[in-house]
Every structure is written in structure tokens, then in C-alpha cells.
């Protein structure tokens, strides 16, 4: 007895993709309709025009300079001051020069904790400072 083999042939199963496409388009429309679009504002990077040359200020803003040298000694406007009394000296000078900016110049070899202590002292009294590191 011989068994016959069935020859399956080329039976192509056809799948109807229409319902799946309908669902995909319905989902796409749903997500587009429910999406929230943010109105983000960018940063304006246009520079202001340069000031005219004849408009230079005749009275520049005064500055108070605090300097710490490599031996960790402090001076305020070229006057030697103890480092723990610098903020008091600066307050006294601010009374004479209202609106003056404070420049904290520190030598690169000076102690870091001295710089931090001076900056914290100025910040605690709401005195804005600019820090410069001097490398000489």
C-alpha cells in the first residue's frame, strides 16, 4: 500500500488589510485631535544697537576693589584691612560711594576658604560682587 502525499500546492492565504488600516487611521486622527501643542517662546538673540560714541558717560560708576594677595592678606581700595573686617570696611565705603560696584580680586595662590568667606559675607549683606582671579 502506498500512501499518497497530498501536494499542498501554492495556497496563498489572502488577508484583508482594510479593517486594520481603518483602525490605524482612526487612532491617528484621535491622537492628532487630543494632542496638546505647546506655544514655546524662544530667546531673543538680537543684540541691541551699539551706543553712539558721543554718548559716553561723563561720570562712570565708582568701584570698590577688595584684593587678597598670595600671602592671604586683604586690602580694600589699596588700604590694608584685616580679612574678617573687610565687609565692614566695604560698608563704610559704600556709604561714601552709594551705588558702587564691588570687585573681589583674589590671587590664584590665596586660600580658597578666604575667598568663600568674603563672598559669603558680601552675599549675606546683599552686596553684589564680581570675582576676578589674578594670575601673576
N, C-alpha and C. Protein backbone atom coordinates (compact mmCIF):
# COMPACT_ATOMS: atom_id res chain seq x y z
N UNK A 1 0.81 -1.15 0.00
CA UNK A 1 0.00 0.00 0.00
C UNK A 1 0.87 1.24 0.00
N UNK A 2 0.49 1.96 -0.84
CA UNK A 2 1.21 3.20 -0.98
C UNK A 2 0.43 4.36 -0.44
N UNK A 3 1.15 5.15 0.23
CA UNK A 3 0.48 6.34 0.73
C UNK A 3 0.65 7.46 -0.27
N UNK A 4 -0.38 8.15 -0.39
CA UNK A 4 -0.29 9.28 -1.29
C UNK A 4 0.04 10.54 -0.51
N UNK A 5 0.89 11.23 -1.09
CA UNK A 5 1.20 12.53 -0.49
C UNK A 5 0.32 13.57 -1.13
N UNK A 6 -0.19 14.35 -0.27
CA UNK A 6 -1.01 15.42 -0.81
C UNK A 6 -0.10 16.58 -1.16
N UNK A 7 -0.26 17.03 -2.26
CA UNK A 7 0.51 18.18 -2.71
C UNK A 7 -0.27 19.42 -2.35
N UNK A 8 0.28 20.19 -1.37
CA UNK A 8 -0.48 21.34 -0.89
C UNK A 8 -0.56 22.42 -1.95
N UNK A 9 0.40 22.48 -2.79
CA UNK A 9 0.36 23.46 -3.85
C UNK A 9 0.68 24.85 -3.34
N UNK A 10 0.29 25.80 -4.06
CA UNK A 10 0.54 27.19 -3.70
C UNK A 10 -0.74 27.84 -3.23
N UNK A 11 -1.14 27.48 -2.05
CA UNK A 11 -2.34 28.10 -1.49
C UNK A 11 -1.93 29.41 -0.83
N UNK A 12 -2.28 30.50 -1.45
CA UNK A 12 -1.99 31.82 -0.88
C UNK A 12 -3.18 32.25 -0.06
N UNK A 13 -2.90 32.48 1.20
CA UNK A 13 -3.97 32.97 2.07
C UNK A 13 -4.03 34.47 1.92
N UNK A 14 -5.13 34.98 1.58
CA UNK A 14 -5.31 36.42 1.39
C UNK A 14 -5.87 37.01 2.67
N UNK A 15 -5.19 38.04 3.17
CA UNK A 15 -5.63 38.72 4.38
C UNK A 15 -6.13 40.09 3.98
N UNK A 16 -7.31 40.39 4.43
CA UNK A 16 -7.90 41.69 4.10
C UNK A 16 -7.34 42.73 5.08
N UNK A 17 -6.57 43.70 4.58
CA UNK A 17 -5.91 44.70 5.42
C UNK A 17 -6.77 45.94 5.65
N UNK A 18 -7.89 46.02 5.03
CA UNK A 18 -8.72 47.22 5.12
C UNK A 18 -9.15 47.53 6.55
N UNK A 19 -9.64 46.58 7.34
CA UNK A 19 -10.03 46.93 8.71
C UNK A 19 -8.86 47.43 9.55
N UNK A 20 -7.67 46.84 9.35
CA UNK A 20 -6.52 47.28 10.12
C UNK A 20 -6.14 48.71 9.74
N UNK A 21 -6.19 49.04 8.46
CA UNK A 21 -5.88 50.41 8.04
C UNK A 21 -6.91 51.38 8.58
N UNK A 22 -8.17 50.98 8.63
CA UNK A 22 -9.19 51.85 9.19
C UNK A 22 -8.90 52.16 10.66
N UNK A 23 -8.52 51.13 11.40
CA UNK A 23 -8.22 51.32 12.83
C UNK A 23 -7.00 52.22 12.99
N UNK A 24 -5.98 52.03 12.17
CA UNK A 24 -4.76 52.86 12.27
C UNK A 24 -5.10 54.32 11.98
N UNK A 25 -5.89 54.58 10.98
CA UNK A 25 -6.24 55.97 10.65
C UNK A 25 -7.13 56.58 11.72
N UNK A 26 -8.02 55.80 12.30
CA UNK A 26 -8.86 56.32 13.38
C UNK A 26 -8.00 56.66 14.59
N UNK A 27 -7.03 55.81 14.92
CA UNK A 27 -6.13 56.10 16.04
C UNK A 27 -5.28 57.33 15.75
N UNK A 28 -4.81 57.46 14.51
CA UNK A 28 -4.01 58.62 14.13
C UNK A 28 -4.82 59.90 14.28
N UNK A 29 -6.03 59.90 13.84
CA UNK A 29 -6.88 61.08 13.96
C UNK A 29 -7.15 61.37 15.45
N UNK A 30 -7.37 60.34 16.24
CA UNK A 30 -7.61 60.53 17.67
C UNK A 30 -6.42 61.20 18.35
N UNK A 31 -5.20 60.72 18.06
CA UNK A 31 -4.03 61.29 18.71
C UNK A 31 -3.74 62.70 18.22
N UNK A 32 -4.02 63.00 16.98
CA UNK A 32 -3.82 64.36 16.48
C UNK A 32 -4.80 65.32 17.14
N UNK A 33 -6.05 64.87 17.28
CA UNK A 33 -7.07 65.74 17.86
C UNK A 33 -6.82 65.96 19.36
N UNK A 34 -6.37 64.94 20.07
CA UNK A 34 -6.19 65.08 21.51
C UNK A 34 -4.81 65.59 21.91
N UNK A 35 -3.90 65.75 20.97
CA UNK A 35 -2.55 66.21 21.30
C UNK A 35 -2.59 67.67 21.74
N UNK A 36 -1.71 68.01 22.67
CA UNK A 36 -1.58 69.38 23.14
C UNK A 36 -0.30 69.95 22.56
N UNK A 37 -0.42 71.01 21.82
CA UNK A 37 0.74 71.64 21.22
C UNK A 37 1.13 72.84 22.07
N UNK A 38 2.39 72.89 22.46
CA UNK A 38 2.88 73.96 23.31
C UNK A 38 3.29 75.16 22.47
N UNK A 39 3.00 76.31 22.99
CA UNK A 39 3.43 77.53 22.33
C UNK A 39 4.68 78.00 23.06
N UNK A 40 5.83 77.50 22.63
CA UNK A 40 7.09 77.83 23.29
C UNK A 40 7.63 79.13 22.76
N UNK A 41 8.18 79.90 23.67
CA UNK A 41 8.78 81.16 23.28
C UNK A 41 10.28 81.01 23.27
N UNK A 42 10.92 81.47 22.24
CA UNK A 42 12.36 81.38 22.13
C UNK A 42 13.03 82.58 22.77
N UNK A 43 14.31 82.49 22.87
CA UNK A 43 15.11 83.58 23.43
C UNK A 43 15.43 84.55 22.31
N UNK A 44 15.24 85.81 22.57
CA UNK A 44 15.55 86.84 21.59
C UNK A 44 17.06 87.05 21.58
N UNK A 45 17.69 86.67 20.49
CA UNK A 45 19.15 86.75 20.41
C UNK A 45 19.64 87.96 19.63
N UNK A 46 18.74 88.86 19.29
CA UNK A 46 19.18 90.05 18.58
C UNK A 46 19.88 90.99 19.56
N UNK A 47 21.01 91.49 19.17
CA UNK A 47 21.77 92.37 20.03
C UNK A 47 21.26 93.79 19.90
N UNK A 48 21.29 94.53 21.00
CA UNK A 48 20.88 95.93 20.90
C UNK A 48 21.92 96.70 20.09
N UNK A 49 21.49 97.78 19.50
CA UNK A 49 22.46 98.56 18.72
C UNK A 49 23.52 99.16 19.63
N UNK A 50 24.74 99.32 19.13
CA UNK A 50 25.79 99.89 19.97
C UNK A 50 25.47 101.35 20.30
N UNK A 51 25.90 101.79 21.47
CA UNK A 51 25.62 103.19 21.84
C UNK A 51 26.45 104.13 20.97
N UNK A 52 25.92 105.29 20.73
CA UNK A 52 26.71 106.27 19.95
C UNK A 52 27.98 106.65 20.69
N UNK A 53 29.00 107.02 19.93
CA UNK A 53 30.30 107.34 20.53
C UNK A 53 30.25 108.59 21.38
N UNK A 54 29.37 109.52 21.04
CA UNK A 54 29.32 110.76 21.80
C UNK A 54 28.49 110.63 23.08
N UNK A 55 27.94 109.44 23.33
CA UNK A 55 27.07 109.24 24.48
C UNK A 55 27.80 108.51 25.61
N UNK A 56 29.10 108.68 25.73
CA UNK A 56 29.84 108.03 26.80
C UNK A 56 29.51 108.72 28.12
N UNK A 57 29.36 107.92 29.19
CA UNK A 57 29.01 108.56 30.46
C UNK A 57 30.15 109.43 30.97
N UNK A 58 29.81 110.63 31.39
CA UNK A 58 30.85 111.54 31.89
C UNK A 58 31.25 111.20 33.32
N UNK A 59 30.34 110.53 34.04
CA UNK A 59 30.62 110.17 35.42
C UNK A 59 30.47 108.65 35.55
N UNK A 60 31.56 107.88 35.39
CA UNK A 60 31.43 106.42 35.46
C UNK A 60 31.08 105.97 36.87
N UNK A 61 30.48 104.80 36.94
CA UNK A 61 30.06 104.24 38.23
C UNK A 61 31.30 103.90 39.06
N UNK A 62 31.35 104.34 40.32
CA UNK A 62 32.54 104.06 41.14
C UNK A 62 32.61 102.57 41.50
N UNK A 63 33.80 102.13 41.81
CA UNK A 63 34.02 100.74 42.18
C UNK A 63 34.85 100.67 43.45
N UNK A 64 34.57 99.64 44.24
CA UNK A 64 35.35 99.36 45.45
C UNK A 64 36.08 98.05 45.19
N UNK A 65 37.40 98.08 45.29
CA UNK A 65 38.21 96.91 44.99
C UNK A 65 38.71 96.28 46.28
N UNK A 66 38.40 95.00 46.43
CA UNK A 66 38.91 94.21 47.55
C UNK A 66 39.94 93.25 46.97
N UNK A 67 41.16 93.29 47.48
CA UNK A 67 42.24 92.46 46.93
C UNK A 67 42.78 91.54 48.01
N UNK A 68 42.94 90.27 47.65
CA UNK A 68 43.56 89.27 48.52
C UNK A 68 44.82 88.79 47.80
N UNK A 69 45.99 88.98 48.42
CA UNK A 69 47.23 88.59 47.75
C UNK A 69 47.61 87.15 48.07
N UNK A 70 48.79 86.74 47.59
CA UNK A 70 49.20 85.33 47.74
C UNK A 70 49.55 84.98 49.18
N UNK A 71 49.79 85.98 50.05
CA UNK A 71 50.04 85.72 51.47
C UNK A 71 48.75 85.77 52.29
N UNK A 72 47.60 85.83 51.63
CA UNK A 72 46.28 85.85 52.25
C UNK A 72 46.05 87.10 53.09
N UNK A 73 46.63 88.21 52.71
CA UNK A 73 46.34 89.47 53.38
C UNK A 73 45.38 90.27 52.49
N UNK A 74 44.48 90.97 53.13
CA UNK A 74 43.40 91.66 52.42
C UNK A 74 43.64 93.16 52.41
N UNK A 75 43.15 93.79 51.35
CA UNK A 75 43.17 95.25 51.28
C UNK A 75 41.89 95.70 50.58
N UNK A 76 41.38 96.84 51.05
CA UNK A 76 40.18 97.43 50.47
C UNK A 76 40.56 98.79 49.93
N UNK A 77 40.42 98.96 48.63
CA UNK A 77 40.84 100.19 47.94
C UNK A 77 42.26 100.58 48.33
N UNK A 78 43.18 99.63 48.24
CA UNK A 78 44.61 99.79 48.49
C UNK A 78 44.94 100.11 49.95
N UNK A 79 44.04 99.88 50.88
CA UNK A 79 44.31 100.05 52.30
C UNK A 79 44.28 98.69 52.97
N UNK A 80 45.36 98.35 53.68
CA UNK A 80 45.42 97.06 54.35
C UNK A 80 44.29 96.95 55.38
N UNK A 81 43.61 95.82 55.36
CA UNK A 81 42.49 95.58 56.26
C UNK A 81 42.55 94.13 56.72
N UNK A 82 42.15 93.89 57.94
CA UNK A 82 42.06 92.50 58.39
C UNK A 82 40.94 91.82 57.61
N UNK A 83 41.17 90.56 57.26
CA UNK A 83 40.24 89.87 56.37
C UNK A 83 38.86 89.67 56.99
N UNK A 84 38.79 89.61 58.32
CA UNK A 84 37.47 89.45 58.94
C UNK A 84 36.72 90.77 59.04
N UNK A 85 37.38 91.89 58.75
CA UNK A 85 36.74 93.20 58.81
C UNK A 85 36.54 93.82 57.42
N UNK A 86 36.70 93.03 56.38
CA UNK A 86 36.58 93.56 55.02
C UNK A 86 35.17 94.04 54.74
N UNK A 87 34.17 93.27 55.12
CA UNK A 87 32.79 93.66 54.81
C UNK A 87 32.40 94.95 55.53
N UNK A 88 32.93 95.17 56.74
CA UNK A 88 32.66 96.42 57.43
C UNK A 88 33.31 97.61 56.72
N UNK A 89 34.53 97.40 56.24
CA UNK A 89 35.21 98.48 55.50
C UNK A 89 34.48 98.79 54.20
N UNK A 90 33.97 97.75 53.56
CA UNK A 90 33.23 97.96 52.30
C UNK A 90 31.92 98.68 52.58
N UNK A 91 31.24 98.34 53.68
CA UNK A 91 30.01 99.05 54.03
C UNK A 91 30.28 100.53 54.28
N UNK A 92 31.39 100.83 54.95
CA UNK A 92 31.76 102.23 55.21
C UNK A 92 32.01 102.97 53.89
N UNK A 93 32.71 102.30 52.96
CA UNK A 93 32.97 102.94 51.66
C UNK A 93 31.70 103.07 50.83
N UNK A 94 30.76 102.13 50.97
CA UNK A 94 29.50 102.24 50.24
C UNK A 94 28.67 103.42 50.73
N UNK A 95 28.85 103.81 51.99
CA UNK A 95 28.16 104.99 52.49
C UNK A 95 28.68 106.24 51.79
N UNK A 96 30.00 106.25 51.48
CA UNK A 96 30.59 107.39 50.78
C UNK A 96 30.33 107.34 49.28
N UNK A 97 30.27 106.12 48.72
CA UNK A 97 30.06 105.93 47.28
C UNK A 97 28.80 105.09 47.07
N UNK A 98 27.62 105.67 47.20
CA UNK A 98 26.41 104.87 47.02
C UNK A 98 26.30 104.35 45.58
N UNK A 99 25.91 103.12 45.44
CA UNK A 99 25.75 102.52 44.12
C UNK A 99 27.04 101.99 43.53
N UNK A 100 28.11 101.97 44.30
CA UNK A 100 29.39 101.49 43.78
C UNK A 100 29.36 99.97 43.63
N UNK A 101 30.04 99.48 42.63
CA UNK A 101 30.15 98.03 42.45
C UNK A 101 31.37 97.53 43.22
N UNK A 102 31.29 96.26 43.64
CA UNK A 102 32.36 95.68 44.46
C UNK A 102 33.09 94.64 43.60
N UNK A 103 34.39 94.80 43.48
CA UNK A 103 35.22 93.88 42.72
C UNK A 103 36.11 93.14 43.71
N UNK A 104 35.98 91.84 43.75
CA UNK A 104 36.76 91.00 44.65
C UNK A 104 37.87 90.34 43.82
N UNK A 105 39.09 90.87 43.96
CA UNK A 105 40.24 90.35 43.22
C UNK A 105 41.04 89.45 44.15
N UNK A 106 41.22 88.20 43.74
CA UNK A 106 41.89 87.21 44.58
C UNK A 106 43.05 86.62 43.78
N UNK A 107 44.21 86.57 44.42
CA UNK A 107 45.37 85.95 43.79
C UNK A 107 45.12 84.44 43.67
N UNK A 108 45.67 83.82 42.64
CA UNK A 108 45.44 82.40 42.39
C UNK A 108 46.01 81.52 43.51
N UNK A 109 47.04 82.01 44.23
CA UNK A 109 47.65 81.23 45.30
C UNK A 109 46.99 81.46 46.67
N UNK A 110 46.01 82.34 46.74
CA UNK A 110 45.33 82.61 48.02
C UNK A 110 44.46 81.43 48.41
N UNK A 111 44.15 81.34 49.70
CA UNK A 111 43.33 80.24 50.19
C UNK A 111 41.91 80.36 49.67
N UNK A 112 41.37 79.21 49.30
CA UNK A 112 40.02 79.19 48.75
C UNK A 112 38.97 79.52 49.82
N UNK A 113 39.19 79.07 51.04
CA UNK A 113 38.19 79.34 52.09
C UNK A 113 38.11 80.82 52.42
N UNK A 114 39.18 81.56 52.18
CA UNK A 114 39.14 83.00 52.39
C UNK A 114 38.25 83.66 51.34
N UNK A 115 38.38 83.22 50.10
CA UNK A 115 37.53 83.73 49.02
C UNK A 115 36.06 83.42 49.31
N UNK A 116 35.79 82.19 49.72
CA UNK A 116 34.41 81.79 50.01
C UNK A 116 33.86 82.57 51.19
N UNK A 117 34.68 82.78 52.22
CA UNK A 117 34.23 83.55 53.38
C UNK A 117 33.90 84.99 53.03
N UNK A 118 34.75 85.63 52.21
CA UNK A 118 34.48 87.01 51.80
C UNK A 118 33.22 87.09 50.95
N UNK A 119 33.09 86.17 50.00
CA UNK A 119 31.91 86.17 49.12
C UNK A 119 30.64 85.92 49.93
N UNK A 120 30.68 85.00 50.87
CA UNK A 120 29.50 84.74 51.71
C UNK A 120 29.16 85.96 52.58
N UNK A 121 30.19 86.64 53.07
CA UNK A 121 29.94 87.85 53.86
C UNK A 121 29.27 88.94 53.05
N UNK A 122 29.71 89.11 51.80
CA UNK A 122 29.08 90.10 50.93
C UNK A 122 27.66 89.68 50.57
N UNK A 123 27.47 88.40 50.29
CA UNK A 123 26.14 87.92 49.90
C UNK A 123 25.16 88.01 51.07
N UNK A 124 25.62 87.80 52.29
CA UNK A 124 24.72 87.88 53.44
C UNK A 124 24.22 89.30 53.66
N UNK A 125 24.99 90.29 53.20
CA UNK A 125 24.58 91.69 53.34
C UNK A 125 24.02 92.25 52.03
N UNK A 126 23.68 91.35 51.10
CA UNK A 126 23.08 91.72 49.81
C UNK A 126 23.95 92.69 49.02
N UNK A 127 25.25 92.45 49.04
CA UNK A 127 26.17 93.25 48.24
C UNK A 127 26.63 92.40 47.06
N UNK A 128 26.28 92.83 45.87
CA UNK A 128 26.67 92.08 44.67
C UNK A 128 28.14 92.30 44.39
N UNK A 129 28.86 91.23 44.11
CA UNK A 129 30.29 91.32 43.85
C UNK A 129 30.64 90.64 42.54
N UNK A 130 31.75 91.08 42.00
CA UNK A 130 32.33 90.43 40.83
C UNK A 130 33.67 89.87 41.27
N UNK A 131 33.93 88.61 40.93
CA UNK A 131 35.16 87.96 41.38
C UNK A 131 36.12 87.89 40.20
N UNK A 132 37.37 88.27 40.45
CA UNK A 132 38.44 88.15 39.46
C UNK A 132 39.57 87.36 40.10
N UNK A 133 40.09 86.39 39.37
CA UNK A 133 41.25 85.64 39.82
C UNK A 133 42.48 86.22 39.13
N UNK A 134 43.45 86.63 39.93
CA UNK A 134 44.66 87.27 39.42
C UNK A 134 45.75 86.21 39.35
N UNK A 135 46.35 86.05 38.19
CA UNK A 135 47.43 85.08 37.99
C UNK A 135 48.72 85.83 37.62
N UNK A 136 49.52 86.14 38.62
CA UNK A 136 50.81 86.79 38.35
C UNK A 136 51.89 86.18 39.19
